[in-house]
Amino acid sequence: MKLSKNFSLEEMTKSQTALRKGIDNAPTPDKIEPLVILCEKVLQPLRDYFDRPVTITSGYRSPELCVAIGSKMTSQHTKGQAADLEIPGVSNLECAQYIANNLEFDQLILECYTGGNTGWIHVSYVHEPRKQLLTYDRTNGYRDGLIDG
């Protein structure tokens, strides 16, 4: 099922952990609309701007999958509102800065970034977005704003 021009339901639900543990990671019908909106408002415009494939490392997560990976049950991933991503060949900081300056989003977190294409970007979308910018690393935890690079 296509969620937008370049994004499919399959890639937004793919999980190696779910496959390994036999977890059904198929979203319920009420979670598909938020996935479509996330793709239309954030992921597809990002793909179009950089003209490169966007690699989704984690999209929708079923409650059972969240438990299996130690994620919070309140995660926006369980609602179909969030994705973790990177764009091969594009610095994650550059990508996060583009999202922050040009797209609507609820939460944008530059995670475990140490330069270049390290770490990943978490981005979510809801109808009334907070535009919350954060940076996260295992030493300092969450901090407001994006790092300067």
N, C-alpha and C. Protein backbone atom coordinates (compact mmCIF):
# COMPACT_ATOMS: atom_id res chain seq x y z
N MET A 1 0.84 -1.18 0.00
CA MET A 1 0.00 0.00 0.00
C MET A 1 0.89 1.24 0.00
N LYS A 2 0.63 2.15 -0.92
CA LYS A 2 1.36 3.41 -1.00
C LYS A 2 0.77 4.41 -0.01
N LEU A 3 1.65 5.07 0.74
CA LEU A 3 1.23 6.13 1.65
C LEU A 3 1.45 7.50 1.03
N SER A 4 2.41 7.58 0.13
CA SER A 4 2.69 8.78 -0.66
C SER A 4 3.44 8.32 -1.90
N LYS A 5 3.88 9.24 -2.72
CA LYS A 5 4.55 8.89 -3.96
C LYS A 5 5.72 7.92 -3.76
N ASN A 6 6.54 8.15 -2.74
CA ASN A 6 7.74 7.34 -2.54
C ASN A 6 7.76 6.52 -1.25
N PHE A 7 6.68 6.48 -0.51
CA PHE A 7 6.67 5.74 0.75
C PHE A 7 5.54 4.73 0.78
N SER A 8 5.88 3.54 1.29
CA SER A 8 4.90 2.46 1.37
C SER A 8 4.64 2.08 2.82
N LEU A 9 3.52 1.45 3.05
CA LEU A 9 3.19 0.94 4.37
C LEU A 9 4.22 -0.09 4.80
N GLU A 10 4.70 -0.89 3.87
CA GLU A 10 5.68 -1.93 4.19
C GLU A 10 6.95 -1.32 4.80
N GLU A 11 7.48 -0.25 4.20
CA GLU A 11 8.71 0.32 4.75
C GLU A 11 8.47 1.07 6.05
N MET A 12 7.24 1.54 6.28
CA MET A 12 6.93 2.25 7.51
C MET A 12 6.63 1.30 8.67
N THR A 13 6.53 0.00 8.39
CA THR A 13 6.25 -0.98 9.45
C THR A 13 7.34 -2.03 9.58
N LYS A 14 8.35 -1.97 8.71
CA LYS A 14 9.42 -2.97 8.71
C LYS A 14 10.19 -2.92 10.02
N SER A 15 10.45 -4.10 10.59
CA SER A 15 11.22 -4.17 11.83
C SER A 15 11.94 -5.51 11.90
N GLN A 16 13.25 -5.47 12.01
CA GLN A 16 14.02 -6.70 12.17
C GLN A 16 13.67 -7.39 13.48
N THR A 17 13.44 -6.62 14.53
CA THR A 17 13.07 -7.21 15.82
C THR A 17 11.73 -7.93 15.71
N ALA A 18 10.76 -7.31 15.04
CA ALA A 18 9.45 -7.95 14.88
C ALA A 18 9.59 -9.25 14.10
N LEU A 19 10.39 -9.24 13.04
CA LEU A 19 10.60 -10.46 12.26
C LEU A 19 11.26 -11.55 13.10
N ARG A 20 12.31 -11.18 13.82
CA ARG A 20 13.05 -12.13 14.63
C ARG A 20 12.19 -12.74 15.74
N LYS A 21 11.33 -11.93 16.34
CA LYS A 21 10.53 -12.38 17.47
C LYS A 21 9.12 -12.81 17.09
N GLY A 22 8.80 -12.77 15.79
CA GLY A 22 7.48 -13.18 15.34
C GLY A 22 6.36 -12.25 15.79
N ILE A 23 6.66 -10.96 15.89
CA ILE A 23 5.67 -9.97 16.33
C ILE A 23 4.94 -9.40 15.12
N ASP A 24 3.62 -9.36 15.20
CA ASP A 24 2.82 -8.75 14.15
C ASP A 24 2.91 -7.23 14.32
N ASN A 25 3.54 -6.56 13.38
CA ASN A 25 3.70 -5.11 13.46
C ASN A 25 2.78 -4.37 12.49
N ALA A 26 1.70 -5.01 12.09
CA ALA A 26 0.74 -4.36 11.19
C ALA A 26 -0.10 -3.36 11.99
N PRO A 27 -0.21 -2.13 11.49
CA PRO A 27 -1.02 -1.13 12.21
C PRO A 27 -2.51 -1.40 12.04
N THR A 28 -3.27 -1.01 13.04
CA THR A 28 -4.72 -1.05 12.93
C THR A 28 -5.13 0.06 11.96
N PRO A 29 -6.31 -0.03 11.37
CA PRO A 29 -6.73 0.97 10.38
C PRO A 29 -6.64 2.41 10.86
N ASP A 30 -6.90 2.67 12.15
CA ASP A 30 -6.84 4.04 12.66
C ASP A 30 -5.42 4.60 12.73
N LYS A 31 -4.41 3.75 12.57
CA LYS A 31 -3.02 4.22 12.59
C LYS A 31 -2.50 4.51 11.18
N ILE A 32 -3.23 4.11 10.16
CA ILE A 32 -2.78 4.32 8.79
C ILE A 32 -2.93 5.78 8.37
N GLU A 33 -4.02 6.43 8.74
CA GLU A 33 -4.19 7.84 8.39
C GLU A 33 -3.06 8.72 8.93
N PRO A 34 -2.67 8.58 10.21
CA PRO A 34 -1.52 9.37 10.68
C PRO A 34 -0.23 9.08 9.92
N LEU A 35 -0.03 7.82 9.50
CA LEU A 35 1.15 7.48 8.70
C LEU A 35 1.11 8.20 7.35
N VAL A 36 -0.06 8.23 6.72
CA VAL A 36 -0.22 8.95 5.45
C VAL A 36 0.10 10.43 5.64
N ILE A 37 -0.42 11.02 6.69
CA ILE A 37 -0.20 12.45 6.94
C ILE A 37 1.28 12.73 7.21
N LEU A 38 1.94 11.86 8.00
CA LEU A 38 3.38 12.01 8.26
C LEU A 38 4.16 11.97 6.94
N CYS A 39 3.79 11.04 6.08
CA CYS A 39 4.46 10.94 4.78
C CYS A 39 4.21 12.19 3.93
N GLU A 40 2.96 12.63 3.87
CA GLU A 40 2.61 13.78 3.04
C GLU A 40 3.21 15.09 3.54
N LYS A 41 3.23 15.29 4.86
CA LYS A 41 3.66 16.57 5.43
C LYS A 41 5.16 16.67 5.66
N VAL A 42 5.82 15.53 5.92
CA VAL A 42 7.24 15.59 6.28
C VAL A 42 8.11 14.74 5.37
N LEU A 43 7.83 13.45 5.29
CA LEU A 43 8.75 12.54 4.62
C LEU A 43 8.83 12.76 3.12
N GLN A 44 7.70 12.91 2.45
CA GLN A 44 7.73 13.12 1.00
C GLN A 44 8.37 14.46 0.63
N PRO A 45 8.02 15.56 1.33
CA PRO A 45 8.71 16.82 1.02
C PRO A 45 10.23 16.73 1.26
N LEU A 46 10.64 15.99 2.27
CA LEU A 46 12.06 15.79 2.53
C LEU A 46 12.71 15.02 1.38
N ARG A 47 12.07 13.98 0.92
CA ARG A 47 12.54 13.17 -0.21
C ARG A 47 12.63 14.03 -1.47
N ASP A 48 11.61 14.84 -1.70
CA ASP A 48 11.58 15.69 -2.89
C ASP A 48 12.69 16.74 -2.85
N TYR A 49 12.93 17.34 -1.69
CA TYR A 49 13.94 18.39 -1.60
C TYR A 49 15.34 17.84 -1.85
N PHE A 50 15.70 16.76 -1.16
CA PHE A 50 17.06 16.22 -1.31
C PHE A 50 17.21 15.34 -2.55
N ASP A 51 16.09 14.97 -3.15
CA ASP A 51 16.09 14.13 -4.36
C ASP A 51 16.92 12.86 -4.15
N ARG A 52 16.75 12.27 -2.97
CA ARG A 52 17.43 11.02 -2.60
C ARG A 52 16.47 10.19 -1.77
N PRO A 53 16.63 8.86 -1.81
CA PRO A 53 15.79 8.03 -0.95
C PRO A 53 15.99 8.36 0.53
N VAL A 54 14.91 8.31 1.27
CA VAL A 54 14.94 8.50 2.72
C VAL A 54 14.83 7.11 3.33
N THR A 55 15.81 6.74 4.15
CA THR A 55 15.80 5.43 4.79
C THR A 55 15.07 5.53 6.12
N ILE A 56 13.98 4.78 6.23
CA ILE A 56 13.21 4.73 7.48
C ILE A 56 13.79 3.60 8.31
N THR A 57 14.37 3.95 9.46
CA THR A 57 14.94 2.91 10.32
C THR A 57 13.94 2.43 11.35
N SER A 58 12.92 3.22 11.62
CA SER A 58 11.83 2.81 12.50
C SER A 58 10.64 3.71 12.23
N GLY A 59 9.53 3.10 11.87
CA GLY A 59 8.30 3.86 11.64
C GLY A 59 7.27 3.44 12.67
N TYR A 60 6.15 2.91 12.20
CA TYR A 60 5.12 2.44 13.12
C TYR A 60 5.65 1.30 13.97
N ARG A 61 5.31 1.31 15.26
CA ARG A 61 5.65 0.22 16.18
C ARG A 61 4.40 -0.21 16.92
N SER A 62 4.07 -1.48 16.83
CA SER A 62 2.94 -2.01 17.60
C SER A 62 3.29 -1.97 19.08
N PRO A 63 2.29 -1.98 19.96
CA PRO A 63 2.59 -2.02 21.39
C PRO A 63 3.52 -3.19 21.77
N GLU A 64 3.29 -4.35 21.19
CA GLU A 64 4.13 -5.51 21.50
C GLU A 64 5.58 -5.26 21.07
N LEU A 65 5.77 -4.61 19.92
CA LEU A 65 7.12 -4.30 19.46
C LEU A 65 7.78 -3.29 20.39
N CYS A 66 7.03 -2.30 20.84
CA CYS A 66 7.59 -1.32 21.78
C CYS A 66 8.12 -2.02 23.03
N VAL A 67 7.36 -2.94 23.57
CA VAL A 67 7.81 -3.69 24.74
C VAL A 67 9.08 -4.45 24.42
N ALA A 68 9.13 -5.08 23.26
CA ALA A 68 10.28 -5.91 22.87
C ALA A 68 11.57 -5.10 22.73
N ILE A 69 11.46 -3.84 22.32
CA ILE A 69 12.68 -3.03 22.13
C ILE A 69 12.94 -2.07 23.30
N GLY A 70 12.07 -2.10 24.30
CA GLY A 70 12.26 -1.24 25.46
C GLY A 70 11.84 0.20 25.24
N SER A 71 10.95 0.42 24.29
CA SER A 71 10.45 1.76 24.00
C SER A 71 9.22 2.04 24.87
N LYS A 72 8.89 3.30 25.01
CA LYS A 72 7.72 3.69 25.80
C LYS A 72 6.44 3.38 25.02
N MET A 73 5.45 2.92 25.72
CA MET A 73 4.14 2.63 25.10
C MET A 73 3.45 3.92 24.65
N THR A 74 3.89 5.06 25.15
CA THR A 74 3.30 6.35 24.77
C THR A 74 4.01 6.97 23.57
N SER A 75 5.00 6.28 23.03
CA SER A 75 5.76 6.79 21.88
C SER A 75 4.82 7.15 20.73
N GLN A 76 5.15 8.22 20.03
CA GLN A 76 4.37 8.60 18.86
C GLN A 76 4.49 7.55 17.75
N HIS A 77 5.50 6.69 17.82
CA HIS A 77 5.61 5.59 16.86
C HIS A 77 4.39 4.67 16.96
N THR A 78 3.86 4.46 18.16
CA THR A 78 2.71 3.55 18.33
C THR A 78 1.42 4.14 17.78
N LYS A 79 1.42 5.44 17.52
CA LYS A 79 0.24 6.12 16.99
C LYS A 79 0.33 6.35 15.49
N GLY A 80 1.45 5.93 14.88
CA GLY A 80 1.65 6.16 13.45
C GLY A 80 2.05 7.59 13.14
N GLN A 81 2.54 8.31 14.14
CA GLN A 81 2.85 9.73 13.98
C GLN A 81 4.34 10.03 13.84
N ALA A 82 5.21 9.00 13.95
CA ALA A 82 6.65 9.27 14.01
C ALA A 82 7.45 8.29 13.18
N ALA A 83 8.63 8.76 12.77
CA ALA A 83 9.58 7.90 12.06
C ALA A 83 11.00 8.32 12.44
N ASP A 84 11.87 7.33 12.47
CA ASP A 84 13.30 7.58 12.60
C ASP A 84 13.88 7.38 11.21
N LEU A 85 14.81 8.24 10.82
CA LEU A 85 15.26 8.21 9.43
C LEU A 85 16.67 8.72 9.28
N GLU A 86 17.20 8.49 8.09
CA GLU A 86 18.41 9.13 7.62
C GLU A 86 18.38 9.13 6.10
N ILE A 87 19.20 9.97 5.51
CA ILE A 87 19.32 10.04 4.06
C ILE A 87 20.78 9.76 3.72
N PRO A 88 21.07 8.60 3.13
CA PRO A 88 22.45 8.29 2.79
C PRO A 88 23.08 9.41 1.96
N GLY A 89 24.29 9.81 2.37
CA GLY A 89 25.00 10.86 1.65
C GLY A 89 24.68 12.27 2.09
N VAL A 90 23.74 12.42 3.05
CA VAL A 90 23.37 13.74 3.56
C VAL A 90 23.62 13.73 5.07
N SER A 91 24.31 14.73 5.56
CA SER A 91 24.55 14.86 6.99
C SER A 91 23.21 14.89 7.74
N ASN A 92 23.12 14.16 8.83
CA ASN A 92 21.88 14.18 9.62
C ASN A 92 21.61 15.57 10.19
N LEU A 93 22.66 16.32 10.49
CA LEU A 93 22.46 17.69 10.96
C LEU A 93 21.86 18.55 9.85
N GLU A 94 22.37 18.44 8.63
CA GLU A 94 21.82 19.20 7.50
C GLU A 94 20.36 18.83 7.27
N CYS A 95 20.07 17.56 7.33
CA CYS A 95 18.70 17.09 7.13
C CYS A 95 17.77 17.63 8.23
N ALA A 96 18.22 17.55 9.47
CA ALA A 96 17.41 18.05 10.60
C ALA A 96 17.20 19.56 10.48
N GLN A 97 18.24 20.28 10.08
CA GLN A 97 18.10 21.73 9.92
C GLN A 97 17.10 22.07 8.81
N TYR A 98 17.11 21.28 7.73
CA TYR A 98 16.14 21.52 6.67
C TYR A 98 14.71 21.32 7.19
N ILE A 99 14.50 20.23 7.91
CA ILE A 99 13.16 19.97 8.47
C ILE A 99 12.76 21.13 9.39
N ALA A 100 13.66 21.51 10.29
CA ALA A 100 13.37 22.56 11.27
C ALA A 100 12.99 23.88 10.60
N ASN A 101 13.66 24.20 9.51
CA ASN A 101 13.47 25.50 8.87
C ASN A 101 12.41 25.54 7.77
N ASN A 102 11.96 24.36 7.31
CA ASN A 102 11.09 24.36 6.13
C ASN A 102 9.81 23.53 6.23
N LEU A 103 9.71 22.64 7.20
CA LEU A 103 8.57 21.74 7.25
C LEU A 103 7.84 21.85 8.58
N GLU A 104 6.58 21.49 8.56
CA GLU A 104 5.80 21.40 9.79
C GLU A 104 6.12 20.07 10.45
N PHE A 105 6.30 20.08 11.77
CA PHE A 105 6.56 18.86 12.52
C PHE A 105 6.13 19.08 13.95
N ASP A 106 5.92 18.00 14.67
CA ASP A 106 5.59 18.10 16.08
C ASP A 106 6.87 18.06 16.91
N GLN A 107 7.66 17.00 16.69
CA GLN A 107 8.91 16.84 17.43
C GLN A 107 10.01 16.45 16.46
N LEU A 108 11.16 17.06 16.61
CA LEU A 108 12.33 16.77 15.79
C LEU A 108 13.50 16.56 16.74
N ILE A 109 14.08 15.36 16.70
CA ILE A 109 15.20 15.05 17.59
C ILE A 109 16.37 14.56 16.75
N LEU A 110 17.50 15.22 16.88
CA LEU A 110 18.74 14.76 16.28
C LEU A 110 19.38 13.85 17.32
N GLU A 111 19.39 12.54 17.04
CA GLU A 111 19.79 11.56 18.05
C GLU A 111 21.17 10.97 17.76
N CYS A 112 21.99 10.94 18.79
CA CYS A 112 23.31 10.30 18.76
C CYS A 112 24.19 10.80 17.61
N TYR A 113 24.08 12.07 17.30
CA TYR A 113 24.84 12.67 16.21
C TYR A 113 26.24 13.05 16.69
N THR A 114 27.27 12.63 15.94
CA THR A 114 28.65 13.01 16.25
C THR A 114 29.36 13.56 15.02
N GLY A 115 28.60 13.86 13.98
CA GLY A 115 29.16 14.41 12.75
C GLY A 115 28.77 13.56 11.56
N GLY A 116 28.70 14.19 10.38
CA GLY A 116 28.38 13.47 9.15
C GLY A 116 27.03 12.79 9.18
N ASN A 117 27.03 11.51 8.84
CA ASN A 117 25.77 10.77 8.78
C ASN A 117 25.65 9.80 9.95
N THR A 118 26.13 10.24 11.13
CA THR A 118 26.02 9.40 12.33
C THR A 118 24.67 9.62 12.99
N GLY A 119 24.30 8.69 13.82
CA GLY A 119 23.04 8.79 14.54
C GLY A 119 21.84 8.69 13.61
N TRP A 120 20.77 9.35 13.99
CA TRP A 120 19.55 9.33 13.18
C TRP A 120 18.67 10.51 13.58
N ILE A 121 17.61 10.71 12.83
CA ILE A 121 16.65 11.78 13.07
C ILE A 121 15.31 11.15 13.42
N HIS A 122 14.72 11.62 14.50
CA HIS A 122 13.36 11.26 14.86
C HIS A 122 12.49 12.46 14.52
N VAL A 123 11.42 12.21 13.77
CA VAL A 123 10.51 13.31 13.45
C VAL A 123 9.08 12.81 13.56
N SER A 124 8.21 13.68 14.08
CA SER A 124 6.79 13.31 14.20
C SER A 124 5.93 14.46 13.70
N TYR A 125 4.68 14.11 13.42
CA TYR A 125 3.72 15.11 12.95
C TYR A 125 2.36 14.84 13.60
N VAL A 126 1.74 15.90 14.08
CA VAL A 126 0.35 15.88 14.56
C VAL A 126 -0.33 17.13 14.00
N HIS A 127 -1.66 17.17 14.10
CA HIS A 127 -2.41 18.29 13.50
C HIS A 127 -2.08 19.65 14.11
N GLU A 128 -1.75 19.70 15.38
CA GLU A 128 -1.36 20.96 16.02
C GLU A 128 0.07 20.81 16.53
N PRO A 129 1.04 20.93 15.62
CA PRO A 129 2.43 20.64 15.98
C PRO A 129 3.05 21.63 16.97
N ARG A 130 3.88 21.09 17.88
CA ARG A 130 4.59 21.89 18.89
C ARG A 130 5.86 22.52 18.32
N LYS A 131 6.42 21.93 17.26
CA LYS A 131 7.72 22.35 16.71
C LYS A 131 8.81 22.26 17.78
N GLN A 132 8.82 21.16 18.51
CA GLN A 132 9.81 20.93 19.55
C GLN A 132 11.11 20.41 18.93
N LEU A 133 12.21 21.12 19.19
CA LEU A 133 13.53 20.74 18.69
C LEU A 133 14.38 20.22 19.84
N LEU A 134 14.95 19.04 19.66
CA LEU A 134 15.80 18.44 20.69
C LEU A 134 17.02 17.78 20.06
N THR A 135 18.06 17.66 20.87
CA THR A 135 19.23 16.85 20.53
C THR A 135 19.37 15.82 21.64
N TYR A 136 19.73 14.60 21.28
CA TYR A 136 19.91 13.55 22.29
C TYR A 136 21.22 12.83 22.06
N ASP A 137 21.94 12.59 23.15
CA ASP A 137 23.06 11.65 23.11
C ASP A 137 23.11 10.92 24.44
N ARG A 138 23.77 9.78 24.44
CA ARG A 138 23.76 8.90 25.61
C ARG A 138 24.49 9.50 26.82
N THR A 139 25.39 10.44 26.59
CA THR A 139 26.13 11.07 27.69
C THR A 139 25.34 12.18 28.34
N ASN A 140 24.75 13.06 27.52
CA ASN A 140 24.07 14.25 28.03
C ASN A 140 22.56 14.15 28.07
N GLY A 141 21.99 13.11 27.49
CA GLY A 141 20.54 12.98 27.44
C GLY A 141 19.92 13.96 26.46
N TYR A 142 18.69 14.38 26.74
CA TYR A 142 17.98 15.31 25.86
C TYR A 142 18.34 16.74 26.21
N ARG A 143 18.53 17.55 25.15
CA ARG A 143 18.79 18.97 25.31
C ARG A 143 17.91 19.73 24.32
N ASP A 144 17.48 20.91 24.70
CA ASP A 144 16.67 21.74 23.80
C ASP A 144 17.49 22.20 22.62
N GLY A 145 16.86 22.25 21.45
CA GLY A 145 17.48 22.78 20.24
C GLY A 145 18.35 21.75 19.52
N LEU A 146 18.73 22.12 18.31
CA LEU A 146 19.66 21.32 17.53
C LEU A 146 21.07 21.78 17.83
N ILE A 147 22.02 20.86 17.82
CA ILE A 147 23.41 21.26 18.04
C ILE A 147 23.87 22.09 16.86
N ASP A 148 24.93 22.84 17.05
CA ASP A 148 25.42 23.74 16.00
C ASP A 148 26.24 23.02 14.93
N GLY A 149 26.63 21.80 15.17
CA GLY A 149 27.37 21.06 14.16
C GLY A 149 28.81 21.01 14.48
